[in-house]
Amino acid sequence: MNGIKFRVLKMDEFYKHFSSDRSHMKKNGEWLQPPPTWECIQQEPGTTHNLTDFKDLKDTNTFRYGTVMTLPELCTFFGVDYDKLVQIMVADL
């Protein structure tokens, strides 16, 4: 489970910098599902889509927002006992 990673960032940082042009919702130019009725999220001027950057959790990622953490690091960050969490997760399998 140590291979699981998360991007952790403050809500206001996410809100200020996240943009999506919904291109991830299309295949060959066609909608996979009907798009939401609200406007695309475009926060940072000149940025139309950075969802891929937010989702990239590789160690080599130089994306500047948030911190990429492993599951044990995330548990420490939030004050959760990693070993107990793993016991709970394994018990549910």
N, C-alpha and C. Protein backbone atom coordinates (compact mmCIF):
# COMPACT_ATOMS: atom_id res chain seq x y z
N MET A 1 0.81 -1.21 0.00
CA MET A 1 0.00 0.00 0.00
C MET A 1 0.85 1.26 0.00
N ASN A 2 2.15 1.10 0.18
CA ASN A 2 3.02 2.27 0.18
C ASN A 2 3.11 2.92 -1.20
N GLY A 3 2.69 2.21 -2.26
CA GLY A 3 2.75 2.77 -3.60
C GLY A 3 1.61 3.75 -3.90
N ILE A 4 0.61 3.79 -3.04
CA ILE A 4 -0.52 4.69 -3.22
C ILE A 4 -0.05 6.12 -2.93
N LYS A 5 -0.40 7.05 -3.83
CA LYS A 5 0.02 8.44 -3.63
C LYS A 5 -1.18 9.39 -3.74
N PHE A 6 -1.03 10.53 -3.11
CA PHE A 6 -2.06 11.56 -3.05
C PHE A 6 -1.43 12.92 -3.28
N ARG A 7 -2.15 13.81 -3.93
CA ARG A 7 -1.71 15.21 -4.00
C ARG A 7 -2.52 15.97 -2.95
N VAL A 8 -1.83 16.61 -2.05
CA VAL A 8 -2.48 17.33 -0.95
C VAL A 8 -2.18 18.82 -1.12
N LEU A 9 -3.25 19.61 -1.15
CA LEU A 9 -3.08 21.04 -1.24
C LEU A 9 -4.24 21.74 -0.56
N LYS A 10 -4.02 22.98 -0.23
CA LYS A 10 -5.07 23.76 0.42
C LYS A 10 -6.19 24.04 -0.56
N MET A 11 -7.40 24.09 -0.05
CA MET A 11 -8.57 24.32 -0.89
C MET A 11 -8.44 25.62 -1.68
N ASP A 12 -7.98 26.69 -1.04
CA ASP A 12 -7.89 27.96 -1.76
C ASP A 12 -6.84 27.90 -2.86
N GLU A 13 -5.78 27.11 -2.68
CA GLU A 13 -4.77 26.94 -3.72
C GLU A 13 -5.37 26.18 -4.90
N PHE A 14 -6.13 25.13 -4.61
CA PHE A 14 -6.80 24.36 -5.66
C PHE A 14 -7.77 25.25 -6.42
N TYR A 15 -8.60 25.96 -5.69
CA TYR A 15 -9.62 26.81 -6.31
C TYR A 15 -9.00 27.90 -7.18
N LYS A 16 -7.89 28.44 -6.73
CA LYS A 16 -7.24 29.55 -7.45
C LYS A 16 -6.55 29.08 -8.73
N HIS A 17 -6.06 27.84 -8.77
CA HIS A 17 -5.21 27.41 -9.88
C HIS A 17 -5.76 26.30 -10.76
N PHE A 18 -6.80 25.61 -10.35
CA PHE A 18 -7.31 24.49 -11.14
C PHE A 18 -8.13 24.98 -12.33
N SER A 19 -7.88 24.38 -13.50
CA SER A 19 -8.66 24.69 -14.71
C SER A 19 -8.94 23.40 -15.46
N SER A 20 -10.13 23.32 -16.03
CA SER A 20 -10.49 22.15 -16.84
C SER A 20 -11.36 22.60 -18.01
N ASP A 21 -10.92 22.23 -19.21
CA ASP A 21 -11.70 22.54 -20.41
C ASP A 21 -12.60 21.36 -20.80
N ARG A 22 -12.63 20.35 -19.94
CA ARG A 22 -13.45 19.14 -20.11
C ARG A 22 -12.96 18.23 -21.23
N SER A 23 -11.75 18.44 -21.71
CA SER A 23 -11.23 17.59 -22.79
C SER A 23 -11.10 16.13 -22.34
N HIS A 24 -10.96 15.91 -21.05
CA HIS A 24 -10.88 14.53 -20.53
C HIS A 24 -12.24 13.81 -20.61
N MET A 25 -13.27 14.54 -20.95
CA MET A 25 -14.62 13.96 -21.04
C MET A 25 -15.00 13.61 -22.48
N LYS A 26 -14.03 13.75 -23.38
CA LYS A 26 -14.30 13.46 -24.80
C LYS A 26 -13.38 12.37 -25.32
N LYS A 27 -13.87 11.66 -26.32
CA LYS A 27 -13.05 10.69 -27.04
C LYS A 27 -13.33 10.88 -28.53
N ASN A 28 -12.27 11.09 -29.28
CA ASN A 28 -12.40 11.37 -30.71
C ASN A 28 -13.34 12.54 -30.98
N GLY A 29 -13.29 13.54 -30.11
CA GLY A 29 -14.10 14.74 -30.28
C GLY A 29 -15.55 14.62 -29.86
N GLU A 30 -15.95 13.44 -29.40
CA GLU A 30 -17.34 13.20 -28.98
C GLU A 30 -17.42 13.09 -27.46
N TRP A 31 -18.48 13.63 -26.88
CA TRP A 31 -18.69 13.53 -25.44
C TRP A 31 -18.92 12.07 -25.05
N LEU A 32 -18.25 11.63 -23.99
CA LEU A 32 -18.50 10.29 -23.45
C LEU A 32 -19.82 10.27 -22.69
N GLN A 33 -20.14 11.36 -22.05
CA GLN A 33 -21.41 11.58 -21.35
C GLN A 33 -21.78 13.04 -21.59
N PRO A 34 -23.05 13.40 -21.46
CA PRO A 34 -23.40 14.82 -21.62
C PRO A 34 -22.61 15.66 -20.61
N PRO A 35 -22.06 16.79 -21.05
CA PRO A 35 -21.28 17.63 -20.13
C PRO A 35 -22.17 18.35 -19.13
N PRO A 36 -21.60 18.79 -18.02
CA PRO A 36 -22.37 19.57 -17.06
C PRO A 36 -22.90 20.85 -17.72
N THR A 37 -23.94 21.39 -17.16
CA THR A 37 -24.55 22.59 -17.73
C THR A 37 -23.80 23.87 -17.37
N TRP A 38 -22.96 23.84 -16.33
CA TRP A 38 -22.24 25.04 -15.93
C TRP A 38 -20.99 25.23 -16.78
N GLU A 39 -20.46 26.43 -16.72
CA GLU A 39 -19.27 26.79 -17.49
C GLU A 39 -18.05 25.97 -17.06
N CYS A 40 -17.10 25.83 -17.96
CA CYS A 40 -15.83 25.17 -17.62
C CYS A 40 -15.13 25.96 -16.52
N ILE A 41 -14.33 25.28 -15.74
CA ILE A 41 -13.57 25.92 -14.68
C ILE A 41 -12.29 26.46 -15.29
N GLN A 42 -12.14 27.76 -15.28
CA GLN A 42 -10.94 28.39 -15.85
C GLN A 42 -10.50 29.47 -14.87
N GLN A 43 -9.59 29.13 -13.99
CA GLN A 43 -9.21 30.06 -12.93
C GLN A 43 -8.00 30.91 -13.29
N GLU A 44 -6.94 30.28 -13.74
CA GLU A 44 -5.69 30.97 -13.99
C GLU A 44 -5.68 31.50 -15.43
N PRO A 45 -5.48 32.80 -15.62
CA PRO A 45 -5.47 33.34 -16.99
C PRO A 45 -4.48 32.59 -17.89
N GLY A 46 -4.95 32.22 -19.06
CA GLY A 46 -4.10 31.52 -20.01
C GLY A 46 -4.02 30.02 -19.82
N THR A 47 -4.63 29.50 -18.76
CA THR A 47 -4.63 28.06 -18.51
C THR A 47 -6.01 27.51 -18.82
N THR A 48 -6.08 26.61 -19.79
CA THR A 48 -7.38 26.05 -20.14
C THR A 48 -7.60 24.68 -19.51
N HIS A 49 -6.51 23.96 -19.25
CA HIS A 49 -6.68 22.60 -18.73
C HIS A 49 -5.39 22.16 -18.03
N ASN A 50 -5.47 21.93 -16.73
CA ASN A 50 -4.30 21.42 -16.01
C ASN A 50 -4.67 20.24 -15.10
N LEU A 51 -5.80 19.60 -15.37
CA LEU A 51 -6.20 18.43 -14.60
C LEU A 51 -5.13 17.35 -14.65
N THR A 52 -4.53 17.15 -15.82
CA THR A 52 -3.49 16.14 -15.96
C THR A 52 -2.32 16.42 -15.03
N ASP A 53 -1.97 17.69 -14.88
CA ASP A 53 -0.87 18.06 -13.96
C ASP A 53 -1.24 17.75 -12.52
N PHE A 54 -2.48 18.05 -12.14
CA PHE A 54 -2.92 17.76 -10.78
C PHE A 54 -2.93 16.25 -10.51
N LYS A 55 -3.25 15.46 -11.53
CA LYS A 55 -3.33 14.00 -11.37
C LYS A 55 -1.97 13.32 -11.44
N ASP A 56 -0.95 13.99 -11.96
CA ASP A 56 0.38 13.38 -12.10
C ASP A 56 1.05 13.29 -10.74
N LEU A 57 1.22 12.07 -10.26
CA LEU A 57 1.78 11.86 -8.92
C LEU A 57 3.18 11.24 -8.96
N LYS A 58 3.83 11.27 -10.12
CA LYS A 58 5.17 10.71 -10.23
C LYS A 58 6.17 11.55 -9.45
N ASP A 59 7.20 10.90 -8.96
CA ASP A 59 8.24 11.61 -8.21
C ASP A 59 8.95 12.66 -9.06
N THR A 60 8.93 12.48 -10.37
CA THR A 60 9.62 13.41 -11.26
C THR A 60 8.76 14.60 -11.65
N ASN A 61 7.51 14.63 -11.19
CA ASN A 61 6.59 15.73 -11.52
C ASN A 61 7.10 17.02 -10.88
N THR A 62 7.18 18.06 -11.68
CA THR A 62 7.63 19.36 -11.17
C THR A 62 6.46 20.34 -11.03
N PHE A 63 5.23 19.83 -11.08
CA PHE A 63 4.04 20.67 -10.94
C PHE A 63 4.11 21.40 -9.60
N ARG A 64 3.82 22.66 -9.62
CA ARG A 64 4.11 23.51 -8.45
C ARG A 64 3.05 23.57 -7.37
N TYR A 65 1.91 22.93 -7.57
CA TYR A 65 0.83 23.06 -6.59
C TYR A 65 0.68 21.80 -5.76
N GLY A 66 0.60 21.98 -4.46
CA GLY A 66 0.40 20.85 -3.56
C GLY A 66 1.66 20.05 -3.32
N THR A 67 1.49 19.02 -2.53
CA THR A 67 2.57 18.11 -2.19
C THR A 67 2.10 16.69 -2.45
N VAL A 68 2.93 15.91 -3.11
CA VAL A 68 2.60 14.51 -3.36
C VAL A 68 3.07 13.70 -2.16
N MET A 69 2.18 12.90 -1.61
CA MET A 69 2.47 12.10 -0.42
C MET A 69 2.11 10.64 -0.64
N THR A 70 2.87 9.77 0.01
CA THR A 70 2.51 8.36 0.06
C THR A 70 1.42 8.21 1.12
N LEU A 71 0.82 7.03 1.18
CA LEU A 71 -0.20 6.80 2.20
C LEU A 71 0.34 6.95 3.62
N PRO A 72 1.53 6.40 3.94
CA PRO A 72 2.06 6.63 5.29
C PRO A 72 2.29 8.12 5.58
N GLU A 73 2.78 8.87 4.59
CA GLU A 73 3.00 10.30 4.79
C GLU A 73 1.67 11.03 5.00
N LEU A 74 0.66 10.63 4.25
CA LEU A 74 -0.66 11.24 4.41
C LEU A 74 -1.22 10.97 5.81
N CYS A 75 -1.04 9.74 6.28
CA CYS A 75 -1.51 9.40 7.63
C CYS A 75 -0.81 10.25 8.67
N THR A 76 0.50 10.40 8.54
CA THR A 76 1.25 11.24 9.48
C THR A 76 0.76 12.68 9.42
N PHE A 77 0.55 13.17 8.21
CA PHE A 77 0.09 14.55 8.00
C PHE A 77 -1.22 14.81 8.73
N PHE A 78 -2.15 13.83 8.69
CA PHE A 78 -3.46 14.00 9.31
C PHE A 78 -3.55 13.37 10.70
N GLY A 79 -2.44 12.82 11.20
CA GLY A 79 -2.44 12.26 12.54
C GLY A 79 -3.20 10.95 12.67
N VAL A 80 -3.17 10.14 11.60
CA VAL A 80 -3.85 8.84 11.59
C VAL A 80 -2.81 7.74 11.74
N ASP A 81 -3.11 6.73 12.52
CA ASP A 81 -2.21 5.59 12.70
C ASP A 81 -2.24 4.73 11.44
N TYR A 82 -1.15 4.73 10.70
CA TYR A 82 -1.07 4.01 9.43
C TYR A 82 -1.32 2.51 9.61
N ASP A 83 -0.70 1.90 10.61
CA ASP A 83 -0.84 0.45 10.81
C ASP A 83 -2.30 0.06 11.10
N LYS A 84 -2.98 0.85 11.89
CA LYS A 84 -4.40 0.58 12.18
C LYS A 84 -5.24 0.74 10.92
N LEU A 85 -4.93 1.76 10.13
CA LEU A 85 -5.66 1.98 8.88
C LEU A 85 -5.49 0.78 7.95
N VAL A 86 -4.28 0.28 7.84
CA VAL A 86 -4.01 -0.88 6.97
C VAL A 86 -4.78 -2.09 7.49
N GLN A 87 -4.82 -2.29 8.78
CA GLN A 87 -5.58 -3.43 9.36
C GLN A 87 -7.05 -3.32 8.97
N ILE A 88 -7.60 -2.14 9.03
CA ILE A 88 -9.01 -1.92 8.69
C ILE A 88 -9.22 -2.19 7.21
N MET A 89 -8.32 -1.70 6.39
CA MET A 89 -8.46 -1.87 4.94
C MET A 89 -8.34 -3.34 4.55
N VAL A 90 -7.41 -4.06 5.14
CA VAL A 90 -7.21 -5.48 4.82
C VAL A 90 -8.39 -6.29 5.32
N ALA A 91 -8.95 -5.93 6.46
CA ALA A 91 -10.08 -6.67 7.01
C ALA A 91 -11.30 -6.59 6.09
N ASP A 92 -11.40 -5.51 5.32
CA ASP A 92 -12.54 -5.31 4.44
C ASP A 92 -12.39 -6.05 3.11
N LEU A 93 -11.23 -6.66 2.86
CA LEU A 93 -11.03 -7.36 1.58
C LEU A 93 -11.71 -8.69 1.53
